[in-house]
Protein backbone atom coordinates (compact mmCIF):
# COMPACT_ATOMS: atom_id res chain seq x y z
CA MET A 1 -9.12 5.14 -13.31
CA ASN A 2 -5.42 5.27 -12.49
CA TYR A 3 -4.01 8.71 -11.73
CA TYR A 4 -0.46 7.32 -12.02
CA THR A 5 -0.81 7.30 -15.82
CA ASN A 6 -2.06 10.91 -15.88
CA GLU A 7 0.30 13.42 -17.51
CA ASN A 8 0.22 15.66 -14.42
CA CYS A 9 1.36 12.79 -12.20
CA ILE A 10 4.09 11.71 -14.61
CA ASN A 11 5.39 15.28 -14.85
CA LYS A 12 5.33 15.67 -11.08
CA ILE A 13 7.37 12.52 -10.48
CA ASN A 14 9.90 13.40 -13.20
CA THR A 15 10.29 16.97 -11.94
CA ILE A 16 10.82 15.84 -8.35
CA LYS A 17 13.42 13.30 -9.46
CA GLU A 18 15.28 15.79 -11.63
CA THR A 19 15.14 18.61 -9.07
CA TYR A 20 15.98 16.78 -5.86
CA PHE A 21 17.64 13.48 -6.75
CA LYS A 22 19.66 14.03 -9.92
CA ASN A 23 22.93 14.16 -7.97
CA VAL A 24 21.96 12.19 -4.88
CA ASP A 25 24.80 10.62 -2.89
CA LEU A 26 23.89 6.93 -3.07
CA SER A 27 26.45 6.10 -0.40
CA ASN A 28 24.53 8.06 2.22
CA PRO A 29 20.88 6.93 2.56
CA SER A 30 18.62 8.64 5.08
CA GLU A 31 17.33 5.25 6.16
CA ILE A 32 17.78 1.56 5.37
CA LYS A 33 14.69 -0.63 5.58
CA GLU A 34 15.50 -4.30 6.04
CA LEU A 35 13.11 -6.79 4.42
CA ASN A 36 13.18 -10.57 4.48
CA ASP A 37 15.02 -12.94 2.12
CA GLY A 38 18.05 -10.66 1.80
CA TYR A 39 16.16 -7.67 0.38
CA PHE A 40 16.54 -4.13 1.68
CA VAL A 41 15.59 -0.60 0.60
CA ASN A 42 17.82 2.44 0.79
CA VAL A 43 15.68 5.53 1.33
CA TYR A 44 16.91 9.03 0.47
CA THR A 45 14.58 11.71 1.87
CA VAL A 46 14.68 15.46 1.23
CA LEU A 47 12.63 18.39 2.47
CA ASN A 48 10.45 20.06 -0.14
CA GLU A 49 12.17 23.39 0.43
CA LEU A 50 11.18 24.71 -3.00
CA GLU A 51 7.55 23.85 -2.31
CA LEU A 52 7.24 22.08 -5.64
CA PHE A 53 3.61 21.57 -6.64
CA SER A 54 2.28 21.94 -3.08
CA LYS A 55 3.50 23.38 0.21
CA TYR A 56 1.72 20.47 1.90
CA ASP A 57 4.23 18.01 0.43
CA LYS A 58 6.74 18.23 3.28
CA GLU A 59 9.20 15.63 1.98
CA TYR A 60 10.03 13.46 -1.02
CA SER A 61 11.93 10.19 -1.05
CA LEU A 62 13.93 8.18 -3.53
CA CYS A 63 13.70 4.48 -2.70
CA ARG A 64 16.13 1.89 -4.10
CA LEU A 65 15.58 -1.83 -3.66
CA TYR A 66 18.50 -4.25 -3.38
CA LYS A 67 18.99 -7.95 -2.81
CA ASP A 68 22.32 -8.92 -1.28
CA ASP A 69 23.79 -5.59 -2.50
CA LYS A 70 22.52 -6.03 -6.07
CA PHE A 71 20.38 -3.08 -7.20
CA LEU A 72 16.94 -4.13 -8.52
CA HIS A 73 14.41 -1.29 -8.67
CA GLU A 74 13.81 2.31 -7.65
CA TRP A 75 10.84 4.63 -7.24
CA ILE A 76 10.02 8.14 -6.09
CA ASN A 77 7.70 8.45 -3.13
CA ILE A 78 5.84 11.70 -3.74
CA GLY A 79 4.31 11.80 -0.27
CA ALA A 80 7.39 10.67 1.70
CA SER A 81 5.20 8.00 3.31
CA THR A 82 7.90 5.45 2.56
CA LEU A 83 6.11 2.36 3.75
CA HIS A 84 7.37 -0.97 2.45
CA LEU A 85 5.16 -3.95 3.14
CA ASN A 86 6.35 -7.48 3.60
CA ILE A 87 7.60 -9.60 0.76
CA PHE A 88 5.56 -12.75 0.23
CA LYS A 89 5.59 -15.79 -2.02
CA HIS A 90 2.47 -16.17 -4.16
CA SER A 91 0.79 -19.45 -5.08
CA ASN A 92 1.97 -18.81 -8.66
CA GLY A 93 5.57 -19.34 -7.52
CA HIS A 94 6.70 -15.70 -7.77
CA LYS A 95 7.68 -13.42 -4.90
CA TYR A 96 6.19 -9.93 -4.62
CA LEU A 97 6.83 -6.68 -2.81
CA ILE A 98 3.89 -4.41 -2.06
CA TYR A 99 4.85 -0.79 -1.46
CA ASN A 100 3.50 2.72 -1.96
CA ILE A 101 4.53 5.80 -3.88
CA ASP A 102 2.06 8.14 -2.16
CA LEU A 103 -0.52 8.19 0.61
CA TYR A 104 -3.21 6.55 -1.52
CA GLY A 105 -3.08 3.50 -3.75
CA TYR A 106 -0.51 0.72 -3.89
CA SER A 107 2.31 -0.69 -6.01
CA VAL A 108 3.43 -4.26 -6.65
CA LEU A 109 6.82 -5.50 -7.85
CA GLU A 110 7.32 -9.08 -9.05
CA LEU A 111 10.77 -9.65 -7.66
CA ASP A 112 12.20 -12.26 -10.01
CA THR A 113 11.01 -10.57 -13.24
CA LEU A 114 10.96 -6.94 -11.97
CA LYS A 115 7.56 -6.42 -13.60
CA ASN A 116 5.75 -3.65 -11.78
CA ILE A 117 2.39 -1.91 -11.41
CA ASN A 118 1.55 1.41 -9.76
CA TYR A 119 -2.01 2.40 -8.89
CA LEU A 120 -3.21 5.75 -7.56
CA PRO A 121 -7.03 5.96 -7.37
CA TYR A 122 -8.05 8.90 -9.54
CA GLU A 123 -10.88 9.98 -7.25
CA SER A 124 -8.43 10.81 -4.45
CA TYR A 125 -6.48 13.16 -6.72
CA ASN A 126 -9.42 15.33 -7.72
CA TYR A 127 -9.86 18.73 -6.10
CA GLY A 128 -12.72 20.26 -4.15
CA ALA A 129 -16.12 18.62 -4.34
CA ASP A 130 -14.81 15.93 -6.72
CA PHE A 131 -12.32 14.58 -4.16
CA GLU A 132 -13.16 11.18 -2.68
CA GLU A 133 -11.30 9.58 0.20
CA THR A 134 -9.94 6.09 -0.49
CA PHE A 135 -8.43 3.53 1.84
CA ILE A 136 -4.81 4.02 2.94
CA PHE A 137 -2.70 0.82 2.91
CA CYS A 138 -0.66 0.28 6.08
CA ASP A 139 0.08 -3.46 6.15
CA ALA A 140 -0.78 -6.52 4.07
CA HIS A 141 -1.24 -10.24 4.72
CA TYR A 142 -1.46 -12.85 1.97
CA ASN A 143 -3.24 -16.23 2.09
CA GLU A 144 -1.66 -18.66 -0.37
CA TYR A 145 -4.59 -21.11 -0.18
CA ASN A 146 -7.12 -18.77 -1.78
CA ASP A 147 -5.07 -15.77 -2.96
CA CYS A 148 -6.83 -13.39 -0.59
CA LEU A 149 -4.96 -10.24 0.43
CA ALA A 150 -6.04 -8.69 3.73
CA VAL A 151 -4.90 -5.06 3.96
CA GLU A 152 -4.86 -3.23 7.27
CA GLY A 153 -5.21 0.54 7.10
CA CYS A 154 -7.66 3.38 7.39
CA PHE A 155 -9.57 6.17 5.79
CA TRP A 156 -7.91 9.44 6.75
CA SER A 157 -7.25 9.10 10.55
CA ALA A 158 -10.24 6.76 11.13
CA PRO A 159 -11.96 4.37 10.93
CA TYR A 160 -9.29 1.68 10.86
CA SER A 161 -10.41 -1.40 9.00
CA ILE A 162 -9.34 -4.30 6.76
CA MET A 163 -9.80 -4.39 3.01
CA LEU A 164 -9.97 -7.74 1.24
CA LEU A 165 -8.62 -8.03 -2.31
CA ASP A 166 -8.71 -10.91 -4.76
CA PHE A 167 -4.99 -11.29 -5.42
CA LYS A 168 -4.95 -14.14 -7.91
CA GLU A 169 -3.21 -11.85 -10.43
CA PRO A 170 -0.91 -9.58 -8.42
CA LEU A 171 0.11 -7.50 -11.46
CA LYS A 172 -3.47 -6.80 -12.41
CA ILE A 173 -4.60 -3.51 -10.89
CA ILE A 174 -7.53 -3.82 -8.50
CA GLU A 175 -9.31 -0.47 -8.42
CA ALA A 176 -10.55 0.95 -5.14
CA ASN A 177 -14.23 0.25 -5.88
CA LYS A 178 -13.38 -3.48 -5.91
CA TRP A 179 -11.86 -3.53 -2.43
CA ILE A 180 -14.13 -5.21 0.16
CA ASP A 181 -14.31 -3.37 3.48
CA MET A 182 -14.73 -5.66 6.50
CA ASN A 183 -16.80 -2.96 8.19
CA ASP A 184 -19.33 -3.19 5.35
CA VAL A 185 -19.55 -6.98 5.42
CA ILE A 186 -19.82 -7.91 9.08
CA GLU A 187 -22.86 -5.71 9.75
CA LYS A 188 -21.97 -5.14 13.39
CA GLY A 189 -21.79 -1.38 13.09
CA GLN A 190 -18.84 0.87 12.46
CA TYR A 191 -15.87 -0.22 14.55
CA TYR A 192 -13.11 2.09 15.71
CA ASN A 193 -10.49 -0.48 14.79
CA ILE A 194 -10.27 -3.88 13.09
CA ASP A 195 -6.93 -5.67 13.36
CA PHE A 196 -5.79 -8.73 11.46
CA GLU A 197 -4.80 -11.65 13.66
CA SER A 198 -4.40 -14.73 11.44
CA PHE A 199 -5.33 -16.69 8.34
CA ASN A 200 -5.97 -20.38 7.98
CA LYS A 201 -6.91 -22.22 4.81
CA ASP A 202 -10.54 -21.09 4.73
CA ASP A 203 -10.91 -18.35 7.35
CA ILE A 204 -9.64 -15.03 8.62
CA THR A 205 -9.57 -14.09 12.32
CA CYS A 206 -9.78 -10.44 13.30
CA ILE A 207 -9.78 -8.43 16.53
CA PHE A 208 -12.41 -5.71 16.89
CA GLU A 209 -12.27 -2.52 18.92
CA GLN A 210 -15.41 -0.41 19.29
CA THR A 211 -13.74 2.52 21.04
CA SER A 212 -10.20 3.58 21.80
CA LYS A 213 -10.53 2.15 25.32
CA GLY A 214 -9.94 -1.48 24.47
CA TYR A 215 -10.73 -4.51 22.35
CA ASP A 216 -14.25 -5.90 22.46
CA PHE A 217 -14.03 -9.28 20.78
CA LYS A 218 -12.27 -11.61 18.37
CA GLU A 219 -14.09 -13.41 15.56
CA THR A 220 -13.35 -15.76 12.67
CA PHE A 221 -15.00 -15.42 9.25
CA SER A 222 -15.22 -17.50 6.09
CA ILE A 223 -12.99 -15.92 3.44
CA LYS A 224 -15.14 -17.32 0.66
CA LYS A 225 -18.24 -15.70 2.12
CA LEU A 226 -16.51 -12.37 2.66
CA MET A 227 -15.10 -12.31 -0.84
CA SER A 228 -18.55 -12.94 -2.34
CA TYR A 229 -19.84 -9.68 -0.85
CA LYS A 230 -21.42 -7.32 -3.37
CA ARG A 231 -21.89 -3.60 -2.72
């Protein structure tokens, strides 16, 4: 399920926007994030001084995407984790931006059409015993030969791993239970860190770290075999 479509989430985003960003000075961004191909994001960040919704939300951000000074798209980041992942060209001919609007989940914008999806895994927005940790996106790498997306990130603080997603249809939401965790597939035990190194047409090469003291080994895997993994 997608928490982004939940009434509580919609109300939260709208309230934050109306309260903190209604009269924002667009000439004075807190930060400018440069992307490739002439794209950039102006980020306007405020402290949650009113403690809207939760005192644990320290900041909120309004993010506005431009290309060569032409405004294209904006979103509210409700966790102030304003991470913008690289733009890439898909095998379908379109270019995409992957970004986030909160700690969990991911968003995708098709840059030439401005079609957009936002996904927040519902299980990570439950309270108490119903809460379930999901993977936090930190970086993404796309393979145009087989439409595999390799996402570097972590579960809260550790372990750090790579999730593999079938990205043939970028605007089709892939729910968290469909993400393939490299740590589950390789059957070498739980590693402290798995880093992406490279793609080629058929394979992915990763660097593995068993402890925080250093890297243990590098290994190449068949993408087709990894993507066929069933939980």
